Amino acid sequence: MTTRACACAPFQSWASFRLAPRRPPDRHVPTLAHLISLGALRGYVRVTTSDLGRRMSRSQQSASDHLRELERDGLIRRAVRGRSLSVLVTPAGHAAVLRMHETLRACLESAPSSLDLAGAIVSGSGEGRYYMSLPGYTRQFRARVGYVPFPGTLNVRLDAASAEAASRLDAARGTMIEGFSDGERTYGWVRCHAATVNGRVACELVRLERTHHEPSIVELVAPSSLRRRLRASDGSRVTISVAA
């Protein structure tokens, strides 16, 4: 009986294997970014664990433990003199922030240039006509949006999927119309987002600080009556493209 030589690669001892470097957890990045904003990339800066804890919504002890963890992972260096603490962000810490920056940039650049919504026109309570005629709003609309809106808003009840997508606007900047007081009562802010209806009529989708509408209803304003320009009535289907 003959035996065949094994064609497998010769065994390597465990000592010859090298694990890939462990990447720091993403949860470290906000703290590293804060330290960099204080100048800790250029040199040691003094920090207090109480201030860091407030920024992190953690206890002072938890913030202190967090800094030790960052040091243990090679992301910062600490210098303690008496009760004074100074911190330096290392090249590895800087690299962790840059990686997150590149990830976020890629995500934002690949995001759609517009947010497309769909729904049906519904009647409102008539409050929009009153509010859109107040001087405290009209002056700001003229200066910041470029026109005084037609008195009244066009209300659109969004489909379920569009209503969920529209919640993204809560984090969008938009054009802010500040709240104000007329001496008797105060009025909330209005945030405007440039949009088009049915691909042809320019308008603003407005988000209000104070509203009686349910979340699935959005309001649109324009220099002239949107109902007339769209030749639409209650129940008419419309599409809205909001600039992202």
Protein backbone atom coordinates (compact mmCIF):
# COMPACT_ATOMS: atom_id res chain seq x y z
CA MET A 1 0.00 0.00 0.00
CA THR A 2 1.40 3.36 -0.98
CA THR A 3 0.77 6.73 0.61
CA ARG A 4 0.44 10.07 -1.15
CA ALA A 5 2.04 13.23 0.02
CA CYS A 6 -0.46 15.83 1.16
CA ALA A 7 -0.73 18.75 -1.28
CA CYS A 8 -1.83 21.11 1.49
CA ALA A 9 0.30 24.08 2.45
CA PRO A 10 2.59 23.38 5.38
CA PHE A 11 1.12 24.23 8.80
CA GLN A 12 2.00 27.64 10.17
CA SER A 13 2.19 28.16 13.87
CA TRP A 14 -0.37 30.46 15.51
CA ALA A 15 2.43 32.88 16.25
CA SER A 16 2.81 33.58 12.54
CA PHE A 17 -0.74 34.92 12.19
CA ARG A 18 -1.41 38.65 12.60
CA LEU A 19 -4.83 40.10 13.30
CA ALA A 20 -5.93 43.16 11.34
CA PRO A 21 -5.68 46.38 13.36
CA ARG A 22 -8.86 46.99 15.35
CA ARG A 23 -10.72 50.06 14.19
CA PRO A 24 -11.95 52.36 16.96
CA PRO A 25 -15.72 52.31 17.59
CA ASP A 26 -17.72 55.03 15.83
CA ARG A 27 -19.06 56.14 19.22
CA HIS A 28 -15.62 57.62 19.91
CA VAL A 29 -15.85 60.04 16.98
CA PRO A 30 -18.07 62.76 18.56
CA THR A 31 -15.69 63.09 21.51
CA LEU A 32 -12.64 63.15 19.24
CA ALA A 33 -14.29 65.77 17.01
CA HIS A 34 -15.07 67.92 20.06
CA LEU A 35 -11.47 67.68 21.28
CA ILE A 36 -10.19 68.60 17.81
CA SER A 37 -12.49 71.66 17.79
CA LEU A 38 -10.77 72.75 21.02
CA GLY A 39 -7.37 72.56 19.30
CA ALA A 40 -6.25 69.15 20.60
CA LEU A 41 -4.88 68.20 17.19
CA ARG A 42 -2.25 70.95 17.32
CA GLY A 43 -1.20 70.40 20.92
CA TYR A 44 -2.35 69.55 24.42
CA VAL A 45 -5.48 71.39 25.56
CA ARG A 46 -6.95 71.54 29.04
CA VAL A 47 -10.29 69.82 29.51
CA THR A 48 -12.52 69.04 32.45
CA THR A 49 -14.39 65.79 32.82
CA SER A 50 -17.40 67.68 34.16
CA ASP A 51 -17.71 69.74 30.95
CA LEU A 52 -17.10 66.69 28.79
CA GLY A 53 -19.70 64.76 30.76
CA ARG A 54 -22.32 67.47 30.14
CA ARG A 55 -21.62 67.39 26.40
CA MET A 56 -21.87 63.59 26.37
CA SER A 57 -24.92 63.47 28.69
CA ARG A 58 -22.87 61.29 31.01
CA SER A 59 -21.65 61.52 34.56
CA GLN A 60 -18.25 63.03 35.33
CA GLN A 61 -16.93 59.57 36.25
CA SER A 62 -18.22 58.11 32.99
CA ALA A 63 -16.51 60.88 31.02
CA SER A 64 -13.27 60.20 32.88
CA ASP A 65 -13.52 56.49 32.06
CA HIS A 66 -14.25 57.38 28.44
CA LEU A 67 -11.03 59.41 28.15
CA ARG A 68 -9.06 56.50 29.58
CA GLU A 69 -10.64 54.24 26.97
CA LEU A 70 -9.64 56.65 24.20
CA GLU A 71 -6.09 56.68 25.54
CA ARG A 72 -6.03 52.88 25.79
CA ASP A 73 -7.09 52.66 22.13
CA GLY A 74 -4.30 55.03 21.12
CA LEU A 75 -6.66 57.80 20.01
CA ILE A 76 -5.56 60.44 22.54
CA ARG A 77 -2.78 61.11 24.98
CA ARG A 78 -3.53 62.44 28.46
CA ALA A 79 -1.29 64.56 30.66
CA VAL A 80 -2.33 64.83 34.30
CA ARG A 81 -0.71 67.35 36.62
CA GLY A 82 -2.35 67.48 39.99
CA ARG A 83 -6.02 68.17 39.28
CA SER A 84 -5.31 69.57 35.80
CA LEU A 85 -5.97 67.37 32.76
CA SER A 86 -4.71 68.06 29.25
CA VAL A 87 -5.45 66.01 26.15
CA LEU A 88 -3.84 65.58 22.73
CA VAL A 89 -5.56 63.82 19.80
CA THR A 90 -3.16 61.37 18.14
CA PRO A 91 -2.85 60.71 14.38
CA ALA A 92 -4.93 57.56 14.93
CA GLY A 93 -7.68 59.64 16.55
CA HIS A 94 -7.55 62.14 13.70
CA ALA A 95 -7.80 59.28 11.19
CA ALA A 96 -10.92 57.94 12.92
CA VAL A 97 -12.64 61.32 12.53
CA LEU A 98 -11.56 61.59 8.89
CA ARG A 99 -12.97 58.13 8.13
CA MET A 100 -16.32 59.13 9.56
CA HIS A 101 -16.19 62.41 7.62
CA GLU A 102 -15.62 60.54 4.36
CA THR A 103 -18.42 58.10 5.13
CA LEU A 104 -20.88 60.92 5.85
CA ARG A 105 -19.77 62.90 2.79
CA ALA A 106 -20.29 59.88 0.54
CA CYS A 107 -23.74 59.30 2.01
CA LEU A 108 -24.79 62.92 1.53
CA GLU A 109 -23.41 63.15 -2.00
CA SER A 110 -25.25 60.00 -3.03
CA ALA A 111 -28.53 61.22 -1.54
CA PRO A 112 -31.28 62.24 -4.02
CA SER A 113 -31.28 65.90 -5.04
CA SER A 114 -34.99 66.15 -4.31
CA LEU A 115 -37.59 64.60 -2.05
CA ASP A 116 -40.61 63.42 -4.05
CA LEU A 117 -43.97 63.30 -2.28
CA ALA A 118 -47.48 62.40 -3.41
CA GLY A 119 -50.93 63.01 -1.99
CA ALA A 120 -54.36 64.55 -2.45
CA ILE A 121 -55.56 68.11 -1.92
CA VAL A 122 -57.79 68.66 1.11
CA SER A 123 -59.59 71.68 2.54
CA GLY A 124 -58.05 73.56 5.43
CA SER A 125 -59.55 75.48 8.31
CA GLY A 126 -58.91 78.88 6.74
CA GLU A 127 -56.26 79.80 9.32
CA GLY A 128 -53.57 79.94 6.64
CA ARG A 129 -55.27 82.91 5.00
CA TYR A 130 -55.12 84.85 8.27
CA TYR A 131 -51.54 83.99 9.16
CA MET A 132 -50.13 84.54 5.68
CA SER A 133 -51.51 88.11 5.72
CA LEU A 134 -49.81 89.15 8.97
CA PRO A 135 -47.14 91.86 8.44
CA GLY A 136 -44.74 90.03 10.75
CA TYR A 137 -44.70 87.18 8.25
CA THR A 138 -45.16 89.03 4.95
CA ARG A 139 -42.15 91.31 5.55
CA GLN A 140 -39.90 88.33 6.19
CA PHE A 141 -41.25 86.36 3.22
CA ARG A 142 -40.55 89.29 0.91
CA ALA A 143 -37.00 89.68 2.23
CA ARG A 144 -36.03 86.01 2.56
CA VAL A 145 -38.13 84.08 0.05
CA GLY A 146 -38.55 86.83 -2.54
CA TYR A 147 -42.32 87.23 -2.56
CA VAL A 148 -45.36 87.74 -0.37
CA PRO A 149 -47.43 84.54 -0.38
CA PHE A 150 -50.99 84.45 -1.64
CA PRO A 151 -53.24 84.56 1.46
CA GLY A 152 -53.96 80.96 2.28
CA THR A 153 -52.12 77.68 2.00
CA LEU A 154 -52.73 74.64 -0.18
CA ASN A 155 -53.13 71.60 2.06
CA VAL A 156 -52.09 68.18 0.79
CA ARG A 157 -52.72 64.94 2.64
CA LEU A 158 -49.71 62.77 1.86
CA ASP A 159 -49.82 59.06 1.16
CA ALA A 160 -48.44 56.91 3.99
CA ALA A 161 -45.03 56.38 2.36
CA SER A 162 -44.71 60.09 1.51
CA ALA A 163 -45.72 61.16 5.01
CA GLU A 164 -42.93 59.02 6.42
CA ALA A 165 -40.44 60.40 3.89
CA ALA A 166 -41.49 63.99 4.66
CA SER A 167 -40.27 63.58 8.23
CA ARG A 168 -36.76 64.02 6.78
CA LEU A 169 -37.58 67.70 6.39
CA ASP A 170 -37.54 68.10 10.17
CA ALA A 171 -33.73 67.92 10.00
CA ALA A 172 -33.41 70.08 6.85
CA ARG A 173 -32.33 73.69 7.15
CA GLY A 174 -34.67 75.48 4.75
CA THR A 175 -35.34 79.22 4.88
CA MET A 176 -36.40 80.34 8.33
CA ILE A 177 -39.17 82.89 8.91
CA GLU A 178 -38.76 83.88 12.55
CA GLY A 179 -41.57 83.91 15.05
CA PHE A 180 -42.65 87.28 16.44
CA SER A 181 -44.99 89.04 18.86
CA ASP A 182 -47.50 91.78 18.09
CA GLY A 183 -47.77 92.80 21.75
CA GLU A 184 -50.88 90.74 22.34
CA ARG A 185 -49.85 87.26 21.25
CA THR A 186 -46.84 85.43 19.87
CA TYR A 187 -46.58 83.63 16.55
CA GLY A 188 -44.33 80.67 15.81
CA TRP A 189 -41.60 80.29 13.23
CA VAL A 190 -42.17 79.04 9.69
CA ARG A 191 -39.52 77.05 7.82
CA CYS A 192 -39.74 77.15 4.02
CA HIS A 193 -38.48 74.53 1.57
CA ALA A 194 -38.34 75.32 -2.16
CA ALA A 195 -40.57 72.93 -4.10
CA THR A 196 -42.53 72.38 -7.31
CA VAL A 197 -46.02 70.90 -7.70
CA ASN A 198 -46.75 68.55 -10.60
CA GLY A 199 -43.33 69.36 -12.01
CA ARG A 200 -44.25 72.85 -13.19
CA VAL A 201 -45.54 75.20 -10.46
CA ALA A 202 -42.95 76.67 -8.11
CA CYS A 203 -43.92 77.04 -4.46
CA GLU A 204 -42.67 76.63 -0.91
CA LEU A 205 -43.51 73.73 1.35
CA VAL A 206 -43.83 75.27 4.81
CA ARG A 207 -43.25 73.58 8.15
CA LEU A 208 -44.83 75.37 11.09
CA GLU A 209 -43.75 75.56 14.71
CA ARG A 210 -47.43 75.54 15.67
CA THR A 211 -50.05 73.67 13.67
CA HIS A 212 -53.36 71.91 14.21
CA HIS A 213 -52.80 69.63 11.24
CA GLU A 214 -51.93 65.97 11.60
CA PRO A 215 -48.39 65.01 10.48
CA SER A 216 -49.58 63.60 7.14
CA ILE A 217 -50.77 67.03 5.95
CA VAL A 218 -48.29 69.48 4.43
CA GLU A 219 -48.94 73.10 3.47
CA LEU A 220 -47.78 74.88 0.33
CA VAL A 221 -47.58 78.61 -0.40
CA ALA A 222 -46.88 80.54 -3.60
CA PRO A 223 -47.22 84.11 -4.92
CA SER A 224 -50.64 83.29 -6.42
CA SER A 225 -53.42 80.79 -5.78
CA LEU A 226 -52.08 77.28 -6.23
CA ARG A 227 -55.59 75.83 -6.61
CA ARG A 228 -56.26 78.10 -9.58
CA ARG A 229 -52.85 77.55 -11.18
CA LEU A 230 -53.20 73.78 -10.85
CA ARG A 231 -56.92 73.85 -11.74
CA ALA A 232 -57.37 71.51 -8.82
CA SER A 233 -60.02 70.84 -6.21
CA ASP A 234 -60.35 68.69 -3.11
CA GLY A 235 -59.32 65.14 -3.90
CA SER A 236 -57.07 66.10 -6.83
CA ARG A 237 -53.85 64.09 -6.84
CA VAL A 238 -50.60 66.06 -6.87
CA THR A 239 -46.89 65.33 -6.73
CA ILE A 240 -44.49 67.57 -4.84
CA SER A 241 -40.73 67.71 -5.43
CA VAL A 242 -38.90 69.36 -2.55
CA ALA A 243 -35.31 70.53 -3.04
CA ALA A 244 -33.07 68.46 -0.78
